[in-house]
PDB file of N, CA and C in Angstrom:
ATOM      1  N   MET A   1      66.820 -64.784  19.304  1.00  0.00           N
ATOM      2  CA  MET A   1      68.082 -64.152  19.078  1.00  0.00           C
ATOM      3  C   MET A   1      69.028 -64.577  20.116  1.00  0.00           C
ATOM      4  N   SER A   2      70.329 -64.531  19.829  1.00  0.00           N
ATOM      5  CA  SER A   2      71.348 -64.980  20.702  1.00  0.00           C
ATOM      6  C   SER A   2      72.392 -63.869  20.805  1.00  0.00           C
ATOM      7  N   GLY A   3      73.162 -63.957  21.866  1.00  0.00           N
ATOM      8  CA  GLY A   3      74.181 -62.913  22.099  1.00  0.00           C
ATOM      9  C   GLY A   3      75.203 -63.435  23.052  1.00  0.00           C
ATOM     10  N   ARG A   4      76.154 -62.546  23.362  1.00  0.00           N
ATOM     11  CA  ARG A   4      77.210 -62.866  24.327  1.00  0.00           C
ATOM     12  C   ARG A   4      77.459 -61.672  25.205  1.00  0.00           C
ATOM     13  N   LEU A   5      77.537 -61.884  26.456  1.00  0.00           N
ATOM     14  CA  LEU A   5      77.881 -60.863  27.450  1.00  0.00           C
ATOM     15  C   LEU A   5      79.321 -61.025  27.833  1.00  0.00           C
ATOM     16  N   ASP A   6      80.158 -60.144  27.445  1.00  0.00           N
ATOM     17  CA  ASP A   6      81.588 -60.196  27.707  1.00  0.00           C
ATOM     18  C   ASP A   6      81.900 -59.301  28.900  1.00  0.00           C
ATOM     19  N   LEU A   7      82.411 -59.931  29.945  1.00  0.00           N
ATOM     20  CA  LEU A   7      82.725 -59.214  31.164  1.00  0.00           C
ATOM     21  C   LEU A   7      84.303 -59.165  31.300  1.00  0.00           C
ATOM     22  N   ASP A   8      84.805 -57.970  31.463  1.00  0.00           N
ATOM     23  CA  ASP A   8      86.165 -57.738  31.734  1.00  0.00           C
ATOM     24  C   ASP A   8      86.473 -57.895  33.131  1.00  0.00           C
ATOM     25  N   GLY A   9      87.682 -58.391  33.490  1.00  0.00           N
ATOM     26  CA  GLY A   9      88.085 -58.465  34.875  1.00  0.00           C
ATOM     27  C   GLY A   9      87.587 -59.665  35.642  1.00  0.00           C
ATOM     28  N   LEU A  10      87.231 -59.460  36.890  1.00  0.00           N
ATOM     29  CA  LEU A  10      86.849 -60.482  37.828  1.00  0.00           C
ATOM     30  C   LEU A  10      85.515 -61.115  37.392  1.00  0.00           C
ATOM     31  N   ALA A  11      85.310 -62.349  37.794  1.00  0.00           N
ATOM     32  CA  ALA A  11      84.021 -63.054  37.514  1.00  0.00           C
ATOM     33  C   ALA A  11      82.998 -62.376  38.401  1.00  0.00           C
ATOM     34  N   PRO A  12      81.732 -62.282  37.932  1.00  0.00           N
ATOM     35  CA  PRO A  12      80.690 -61.674  38.699  1.00  0.00           C
ATOM     36  C   PRO A  12      80.392 -62.478  39.960  1.00  0.00           C
ATOM     37  N   THR A  13      79.905 -61.807  40.985  1.00  0.00           N
ATOM     38  CA  THR A  13      79.593 -62.486  42.279  1.00  0.00           C
ATOM     39  C   THR A  13      78.341 -63.325  42.213  1.00  0.00           C
ATOM     40  N   GLN A  14      77.404 -62.947  41.318  1.00  0.00           N
ATOM     41  CA  GLN A  14      76.229 -63.684  41.079  1.00  0.00           C
ATOM     42  C   GLN A  14      76.088 -64.022  39.594  1.00  0.00           C
ATOM     43  N   ALA A  15      75.385 -65.065  39.268  1.00  0.00           N
ATOM     44  CA  ALA A  15      75.171 -65.407  37.830  1.00  0.00           C
ATOM     45  C   ALA A  15      74.454 -64.246  37.136  1.00  0.00           C
ATOM     46  N   PRO A  16      75.065 -63.699  36.096  1.00  0.00           N
ATOM     47  CA  PRO A  16      74.495 -62.577  35.387  1.00  0.00           C
ATOM     48  C   PRO A  16      73.147 -62.940  34.704  1.00  0.00           C
ATOM     49  N   ARG A  17      72.301 -61.929  34.567  1.00  0.00           N
ATOM     50  CA  ARG A  17      71.053 -62.077  33.875  1.00  0.00           C
ATOM     51  C   ARG A  17      70.875 -60.907  32.981  1.00  0.00           C
ATOM     52  N   ILE A  18      70.255 -61.084  31.846  1.00  0.00           N
ATOM     53  CA  ILE A  18      69.951 -59.998  30.899  1.00  0.00           C
ATOM     54  C   ILE A  18      68.496 -59.614  31.076  1.00  0.00           C
ATOM     55  N   THR A  19      68.224 -58.380  31.368  1.00  0.00           N
ATOM     56  CA  THR A  19      66.839 -57.839  31.408  1.00  0.00           C
ATOM     57  C   THR A  19      66.382 -57.526  29.987  1.00  0.00           C
ATOM     58  N   VAL A  20      65.108 -57.671  29.717  1.00  0.00           N
ATOM     59  CA  VAL A  20      64.637 -57.462  28.328  1.00  0.00           C
ATOM     60  C   VAL A  20      63.314 -56.688  28.402  1.00  0.00           C
ATOM     61  N   GLN A  21      63.223 -55.595  27.597  1.00  0.00           N
ATOM     62  CA  GLN A  21      61.977 -54.876  27.342  1.00  0.00           C
ATOM     63  C   GLN A  21      61.689 -54.934  25.879  1.00  0.00           C
ATOM     64  N   ARG A  22      60.411 -55.184  25.554  1.00  0.00           N
ATOM     65  CA  ARG A  22      59.968 -55.190  24.137  1.00  0.00           C
ATOM     66  C   ARG A  22      59.070 -53.966  23.921  1.00  0.00           C
ATOM     67  N   LEU A  23      59.425 -53.146  22.919  1.00  0.00           N
ATOM     68  CA  LEU A  23      58.639 -51.984  22.577  1.00  0.00           C
ATOM     69  C   LEU A  23      58.016 -52.289  21.183  1.00  0.00           C
ATOM     70  N   ASN A  24      56.700 -52.268  21.185  1.00  0.00           N
ATOM     71  CA  ASN A  24      55.946 -52.638  19.998  1.00  0.00           C
ATOM     72  C   ASN A  24      54.896 -51.476  19.802  1.00  0.00           C
ATOM     73  N   GLY A  25      55.246 -50.504  19.019  1.00  0.00           N
ATOM     74  CA  GLY A  25      54.372 -49.338  18.930  1.00  0.00           C
ATOM     75  C   GLY A  25      54.325 -48.609  20.293  1.00  0.00           C
ATOM     76  N   LEU A  26      53.147 -48.389  20.815  1.00  0.00           N
ATOM     77  CA  LEU A  26      53.005 -47.728  22.142  1.00  0.00           C
ATOM     78  C   LEU A  26      53.060 -48.765  23.253  1.00  0.00           C
ATOM     79  N   GLU A  27      53.073 -50.069  22.938  1.00  0.00           N
ATOM     80  CA  GLU A  27      53.066 -51.092  23.989  1.00  0.00           C
ATOM     81  C   GLU A  27      54.522 -51.408  24.464  1.00  0.00           C
ATOM     82  N   VAL A  28      54.750 -51.316  25.758  1.00  0.00           N
ATOM     83  CA  VAL A  28      55.980 -51.733  26.325  1.00  0.00           C
ATOM     84  C   VAL A  28      55.816 -52.923  27.219  1.00  0.00           C
ATOM     85  N   SER A  29      56.512 -53.981  27.035  1.00  0.00           N
ATOM     86  CA  SER A  29      56.408 -55.183  27.783  1.00  0.00           C
ATOM     87  C   SER A  29      57.709 -55.601  28.426  1.00  0.00           C
ATOM     88  N   ASP A  30      57.743 -55.916  29.706  1.00  0.00           N
ATOM     89  CA  ASP A  30      58.928 -56.459  30.322  1.00  0.00           C
ATOM     90  C   ASP A  30      58.865 -57.917  30.206  1.00  0.00           C
ATOM     91  N   LEU A  31      59.898 -58.513  29.581  1.00  0.00           N
ATOM     92  CA  LEU A  31      59.963 -59.920  29.374  1.00  0.00           C
ATOM     93  C   LEU A  31      60.770 -60.551  30.484  1.00  0.00           C
ATOM     94  N   PRO A  32      60.586 -61.905  30.725  1.00  0.00           N
ATOM     95  CA  PRO A  32      61.367 -62.481  31.823  1.00  0.00           C
ATOM     96  C   PRO A  32      62.923 -62.270  31.569  1.00  0.00           C
ATOM     97  N   PRO A  33      63.681 -62.150  32.688  1.00  0.00           N
ATOM     98  CA  PRO A  33      65.144 -62.052  32.513  1.00  0.00           C
ATOM     99  C   PRO A  33      65.711 -63.325  31.846  1.00  0.00           C
ATOM    100  N   VAL A  34      66.754 -63.146  31.047  1.00  0.00           N
ATOM    101  CA  VAL A  34      67.394 -64.195  30.354  1.00  0.00           C
ATOM    102  C   VAL A  34      68.667 -64.597  31.083  1.00  0.00           C
ATOM    103  N   PRO A  35      68.868 -65.906  31.434  1.00  0.00           N
ATOM    104  CA  PRO A  35      70.078 -66.297  32.098  1.00  0.00           C
ATOM    105  C   PRO A  35      71.215 -66.327  31.122  1.00  0.00           C
ATOM    106  N   VAL A  36      72.429 -66.098  31.670  1.00  0.00           N
ATOM    107  CA  VAL A  36      73.707 -66.025  30.890  1.00  0.00           C
ATOM    108  C   VAL A  36      74.470 -67.332  31.238  1.00  0.00           C
ATOM    109  N   ALA A  37      74.921 -68.066  30.259  1.00  0.00           N
ATOM    110  CA  ALA A  37      75.700 -69.292  30.475  1.00  0.00           C
ATOM    111  C   ALA A  37      77.063 -68.945  30.963  1.00  0.00           C
ATOM    112  N   ASP A  38      77.825 -69.955  31.422  1.00  0.00           N
ATOM    113  CA  ASP A  38      79.192 -69.701  31.903  1.00  0.00           C
ATOM    114  C   ASP A  38      80.128 -69.074  30.871  1.00  0.00           C
ATOM    115  N   ASP A  39      79.877 -69.390  29.580  1.00  0.00           N
ATOM    116  CA  ASP A  39      80.690 -68.773  28.546  1.00  0.00           C
ATOM    117  C   ASP A  39      80.242 -67.417  28.065  1.00  0.00           C
ATOM    118  N   GLY A  40      79.200 -66.882  28.755  1.00  0.00           N
ATOM    119  CA  GLY A  40      78.700 -65.536  28.437  1.00  0.00           C
ATOM    120  C   GLY A  40      77.597 -65.533  27.392  1.00  0.00           C
ATOM    121  N   THR A  41      77.246 -66.665  26.804  1.00  0.00           N
ATOM    122  CA  THR A  41      76.182 -66.655  25.766  1.00  0.00           C
ATOM    123  C   THR A  41      74.800 -66.682  26.416  1.00  0.00           C
ATOM    124  N   PHE A  42      73.850 -66.080  25.679  1.00  0.00           N
ATOM    125  CA  PHE A  42      72.485 -66.145  26.103  1.00  0.00           C
ATOM    126  C   PHE A  42      71.548 -66.254  24.860  1.00  0.00           C
ATOM    127  N   VAL A  43      70.344 -66.721  25.081  1.00  0.00           N
ATOM    128  CA  VAL A  43      69.395 -66.878  24.008  1.00  0.00           C
ATOM    129  C   VAL A  43      68.056 -66.314  24.463  1.00  0.00           C
ATOM    130  N   LEU A  44      67.554 -65.368  23.701  1.00  0.00           N
ATOM    131  CA  LEU A  44      66.275 -64.781  23.953  1.00  0.00           C
ATOM    132  C   LEU A  44      65.274 -65.277  22.978  1.00  0.00           C
ATOM    133  N   GLU A  45      64.198 -65.914  23.485  1.00  0.00           N
ATOM    134  CA  GLU A  45      63.135 -66.403  22.642  1.00  0.00           C
ATOM    135  C   GLU A  45      61.874 -65.617  22.959  1.00  0.00           C
ATOM    136  N   ASP A  46      61.188 -65.134  21.956  1.00  0.00           N
ATOM    137  CA  ASP A  46      60.044 -64.294  22.146  1.00  0.00           C
ATOM    138  C   ASP A  46      58.982 -64.603  21.072  1.00  0.00           C
ATOM    139  N   VAL A  47      57.727 -64.646  21.481  1.00  0.00           N
ATOM    140  CA  VAL A  47      56.662 -64.807  20.486  1.00  0.00           C
ATOM    141  C   VAL A  47      56.242 -63.377  20.148  1.00  0.00           C
ATOM    142  N   LEU A  48      56.505 -63.068  18.871  1.00  0.00           N
ATOM    143  CA  LEU A  48      56.278 -61.678  18.404  1.00  0.00           C
ATOM    144  C   LEU A  48      54.749 -61.380  18.355  1.00  0.00           C
ATOM    145  N   PRO A  49      54.365 -60.153  18.465  1.00  0.00           N
ATOM    146  CA  PRO A  49      52.980 -59.739  18.337  1.00  0.00           C
ATOM    147  C   PRO A  49      52.422 -60.110  16.888  1.00  0.00           C
ATOM    148  N   ASP A  50      51.056 -60.133  16.810  1.00  0.00           N
ATOM    149  CA  ASP A  50      50.475 -60.586  15.562  1.00  0.00           C
ATOM    150  C   ASP A  50      50.626 -59.589  14.422  1.00  0.00           C
ATOM    151  N   ARG A  51      50.870 -58.351  14.694  1.00  0.00           N
ATOM    152  CA  ARG A  51      50.936 -57.441  13.592  1.00  0.00           C
ATOM    153  C   ARG A  51      52.386 -57.267  13.067  1.00  0.00           C
ATOM    154  N   ALA A  52      52.481 -57.057  11.787  1.00  0.00           N
ATOM    155  CA  ALA A  52      53.837 -56.863  11.153  1.00  0.00           C
ATOM    156  C   ALA A  52      54.325 -55.454  11.472  1.00  0.00           C
ATOM    157  N   GLY A  53      55.605 -55.267  11.481  1.00  0.00           N
ATOM    158  CA  GLY A  53      56.189 -53.971  11.671  1.00  0.00           C
ATOM    159  C   GLY A  53      57.524 -54.006  12.377  1.00  0.00           C
ATOM    160  N   ASN A  54      57.761 -52.934  13.102  1.00  0.00           N
ATOM    161  CA  ASN A  54      59.058 -52.726  13.730  1.00  0.00           C
ATOM    162  C   ASN A  54      58.909 -53.016  15.207  1.00  0.00           C
ATOM    163  N   VAL A  55      59.706 -53.956  15.778  1.00  0.00           N
ATOM    164  CA  VAL A  55      59.707 -54.266  17.171  1.00  0.00           C
ATOM    165  C   VAL A  55      61.118 -53.944  17.684  1.00  0.00           C
ATOM    166  N   GLN A  56      61.144 -53.228  18.806  1.00  0.00           N
ATOM    167  CA  GLN A  56      62.448 -52.867  19.406  1.00  0.00           C
ATOM    168  C   GLN A  56      62.585 -53.594  20.735  1.00  0.00           C
ATOM    169  N   TYR A  57      63.824 -54.030  21.019  1.00  0.00           N
ATOM    170  CA  TYR A  57      64.191 -54.669  22.275  1.00  0.00           C
ATOM    171  C   TYR A  57      65.223 -53.863  22.930  1.00  0.00           C
ATOM    172  N   VAL A  58      65.158 -53.710  24.259  1.00  0.00           N
ATOM    173  CA  VAL A  58      66.196 -53.149  25.059  1.00  0.00           C
ATOM    174  C   VAL A  58      66.714 -54.231  25.941  1.00  0.00           C
ATOM    175  N   LEU A  59      67.995 -54.628  25.739  1.00  0.00           N
ATOM    176  CA  LEU A  59      68.667 -55.663  26.515  1.00  0.00           C
ATOM    177  C   LEU A  59      69.548 -54.887  27.511  1.00  0.00           C
ATOM    178  N   GLY A  60      69.479 -55.319  28.747  1.00  0.00           N
ATOM    179  CA  GLY A  60      70.296 -54.612  29.768  1.00  0.00           C
ATOM    180  C   GLY A  60      70.977 -55.580  30.734  1.00  0.00           C
ATOM    181  N   TYR A  61      72.083 -55.133  31.220  1.00  0.00           N
ATOM    182  CA  TYR A  61      72.805 -55.854  32.285  1.00  0.00           C
ATOM    183  C   TYR A  61      72.976 -54.881  33.421  1.00  0.00           C
ATOM    184  N   ALA A  62      72.546 -55.240  34.591  1.00  0.00           N
ATOM    185  CA  ALA A  62      72.506 -54.325  35.754  1.00  0.00           C
ATOM    186  C   ALA A  62      73.932 -54.058  36.342  1.00  0.00           C
ATOM    187  N   GLY A  63      74.905 -54.914  35.962  1.00  0.00           N
ATOM    188  CA  GLY A  63      76.254 -54.683  36.524  1.00  0.00           C
ATOM    189  C   GLY A  63      76.348 -55.280  37.948  1.00  0.00           C
ATOM    190  N   ASP A  64      77.467 -55.099  38.556  1.00  0.00           N
ATOM    191  CA  ASP A  64      77.683 -55.455  39.930  1.00  0.00           C
ATOM    192  C   ASP A  64      78.781 -54.636  40.488  1.00  0.00           C
ATOM    193  N   GLU A  65      79.411 -55.103  41.587  1.00  0.00           N
ATOM    194  CA  GLU A  65      80.455 -54.328  42.249  1.00  0.00           C
ATOM    195  C   GLU A  65      81.623 -53.937  41.367  1.00  0.00           C
ATOM    196  N   VAL A  66      81.921 -54.723  40.377  1.00  0.00           N
ATOM    197  CA  VAL A  66      83.083 -54.474  39.488  1.00  0.00           C
ATOM    198  C   VAL A  66      82.748 -54.304  38.036  1.00  0.00           C
ATOM    199  N   HIS A  67      81.486 -54.486  37.698  1.00  0.00           N
ATOM    200  CA  HIS A  67      81.145 -54.374  36.262  1.00  0.00           C
ATOM    201  C   HIS A  67      80.086 -53.319  36.076  1.00  0.00           C
ATOM    202  N   TYR A  68      80.223 -52.525  35.050  1.00  0.00           N
ATOM    203  CA  TYR A  68      79.317 -51.421  34.754  1.00  0.00           C
ATOM    204  C   TYR A  68      77.979 -51.870  34.219  1.00  0.00           C
ATOM    205  N   LEU A  69      76.951 -51.035  34.434  1.00  0.00           N
ATOM    206  CA  LEU A  69      75.677 -51.195  33.803  1.00  0.00           C
ATOM    207  C   LEU A  69      75.798 -51.086  32.286  1.00  0.00           C
ATOM    208  N   SER A  70      75.111 -51.831  31.512  1.00  0.00           N
ATOM    209  CA  SER A  70      75.139 -51.738  30.120  1.00  0.00           C
ATOM    210  C   SER A  70      73.744 -51.920  29.517  1.00  0.00           C
ATOM    211  N   GLU A  71      73.563 -51.402  28.309  1.00  0.00           N
ATOM    212  CA  GLU A  71      72.274 -51.456  27.680  1.00  0.00           C
ATOM    213  C   GLU A  71      72.544 -51.549  26.148  1.00  0.00           C
ATOM    214  N   TYR A  72      71.661 -52.293  25.474  1.00  0.00           N
ATOM    215  CA  TYR A  72      71.794 -52.474  24.049  1.00  0.00           C
ATOM    216  C   TYR A  72      70.454 -52.419  23.441  1.00  0.00           C
ATOM    217  N   TRP A  73      70.232 -51.603  22.335  1.00  0.00           N
ATOM    218  CA  TRP A  73      68.946 -51.529  21.651  1.00  0.00           C
ATOM    219  C   TRP A  73      69.025 -52.323  20.347  1.00  0.00           C
ATOM    220  N   LEU A  74      68.010 -53.102  20.123  1.00  0.00           N
ATOM    221  CA  LEU A  74      67.973 -53.946  18.967  1.00  0.00           C
ATOM    222  C   LEU A  74      66.608 -53.711  18.254  1.00  0.00           C
ATOM    223  N   VAL A  75      66.582 -53.572  16.915  1.00  0.00           N
ATOM    224  CA  VAL A  75      65.412 -53.360  16.151  1.00  0.00           C
ATOM    225  C   VAL A  75      65.191 -54.584  15.302  1.00  0.00           C
ATOM    226  N   VAL A  76      64.008 -55.146  15.373  1.00  0.00           N
ATOM    227  CA  VAL A  76      63.622 -56.367  14.514  1.00  0.00           C
ATOM    228  C   VAL A  76      62.477 -55.943  13.686  1.00  0.00           C
ATOM    229  N   ASP A  77      62.621 -56.125  12.336  1.00  0.00           N
ATOM    230  CA  ASP A  77      61.486 -55.849  11.462  1.00  0.00           C
ATOM    231  C   ASP A  77      60.758 -57.140  11.222  1.00  0.00           C
ATOM    232  N   THR A  78      59.492 -57.136  11.425  1.00  0.00           N
ATOM    233  CA  THR A  78      58.678 -58.350  11.232  1.00  0.00           C
ATOM    234  C   THR A  78      57.733 -58.225  10.095  1.00  0.00           C
ATOM    235  N   VAL A  79      57.448 -59.329   9.424  1.00  0.00           N
ATOM    236  CA  VAL A  79      56.485 -59.375   8.358  1.00  0.00           C
ATOM    237  C   VAL A  79      55.492 -60.478   8.607  1.00  0.00           C
ATOM    238  N   GLU A  80      54.351 -60.377   8.029  1.00  0.00           N
ATOM    239  CA  GLU A  80      53.339 -61.390   8.188  1.00  0.00           C
ATOM    240  C   GLU A  80      53.674 -62.598   7.292  1.00  0.00           C
ATOM    241  N   ALA A  81      53.692 -63.795   7.803  1.00  0.00           N
ATOM    242  CA  ALA A  81      53.970 -64.962   7.063  1.00  0.00           C
ATOM    243  C   ALA A  81      52.730 -65.379   6.223  1.00  0.00           C
ATOM    244  N   PRO A  82      52.912 -65.778   4.958  1.00  0.00           N
ATOM    245  CA  PRO A  82      51.745 -66.106   4.146  1.00  0.00           C
ATOM    246  C   PRO A  82      51.044 -67.370   4.682  1.00  0.00           C
ATOM    247  N   ASP A  83      51.780 -68.302   5.347  1.00  0.00           N
ATOM    248  CA  ASP A  83      51.174 -69.488   5.875  1.00  0.00           C
ATOM    249  C   ASP A  83      51.816 -69.657   7.320  1.00  0.00           C
ATOM    250  N   PRO A  84      51.124 -70.466   8.166  1.00  0.00           N
ATOM    251  CA  PRO A  84      51.762 -70.735   9.506  1.00  0.00           C
ATOM    252  C   PRO A  84      53.152 -71.383   9.342  1.00  0.00           C
ATOM    253  N   VAL A  85      54.040 -70.954  10.220  1.00  0.00           N
ATOM    254  CA  VAL A  85      55.387 -71.486  10.192  1.00  0.00           C
ATOM    255  C   VAL A  85      55.519 -72.461  11.366  1.00  0.00           C
ATOM    256  N   ALA A  86      56.011 -73.694  11.051  1.00  0.00           N
ATOM    257  CA  ALA A  86      56.179 -74.666  12.083  1.00  0.00           C
ATOM    258  C   ALA A  86      57.460 -74.429  12.763  1.00  0.00           C
ATOM    259  N   ARG A  87      57.515 -74.513  14.082  1.00  0.00           N
ATOM    260  CA  ARG A  87      58.744 -74.288  14.831  1.00  0.00           C
ATOM    261  C   ARG A  87      59.469 -75.594  14.955  1.00  0.00           C
ATOM    262  N   THR A  88      60.730 -75.596  14.586  1.00  0.00           N
ATOM    263  CA  THR A  88      61.594 -76.766  14.678  1.00  0.00           C
ATOM    264  C   THR A  88      62.739 -76.382  15.567  1.00  0.00           C
ATOM    265  N   GLY A  89      63.733 -77.294  15.684  1.00  0.00           N
ATOM    266  CA  GLY A  89      64.904 -76.991  16.483  1.00  0.00           C
ATOM    267  C   GLY A  89      65.629 -75.711  15.998  1.00  0.00           C
ATOM    268  N   ARG A  90      66.623 -75.327  16.741  1.00  0.00           N
ATOM    269  CA  ARG A  90      67.370 -74.133  16.451  1.00  0.00           C
ATOM    270  C   ARG A  90      68.344 -74.299  15.283  1.00  0.00           C
TER     271      ARG A  90
END
């Protein structure tokens, strides 16, 4: 998934990073932080669990001296593929 972090006002003092938690049923996993490009875009790549269903992600930005903390919840519905899916470019 991809997104954009829009910051109002001054540029951040450090390169922003997006924190990510994956909630899959009762399992909660902290994923590696996602770097944010100069234009504010970021890309989260994740290998989903083997079972089909509902996976929730909590994306967060910790903020800094001039930017507020923010959080975004995203729900991804997964299904089991009938055959293996080859991964190609984006």
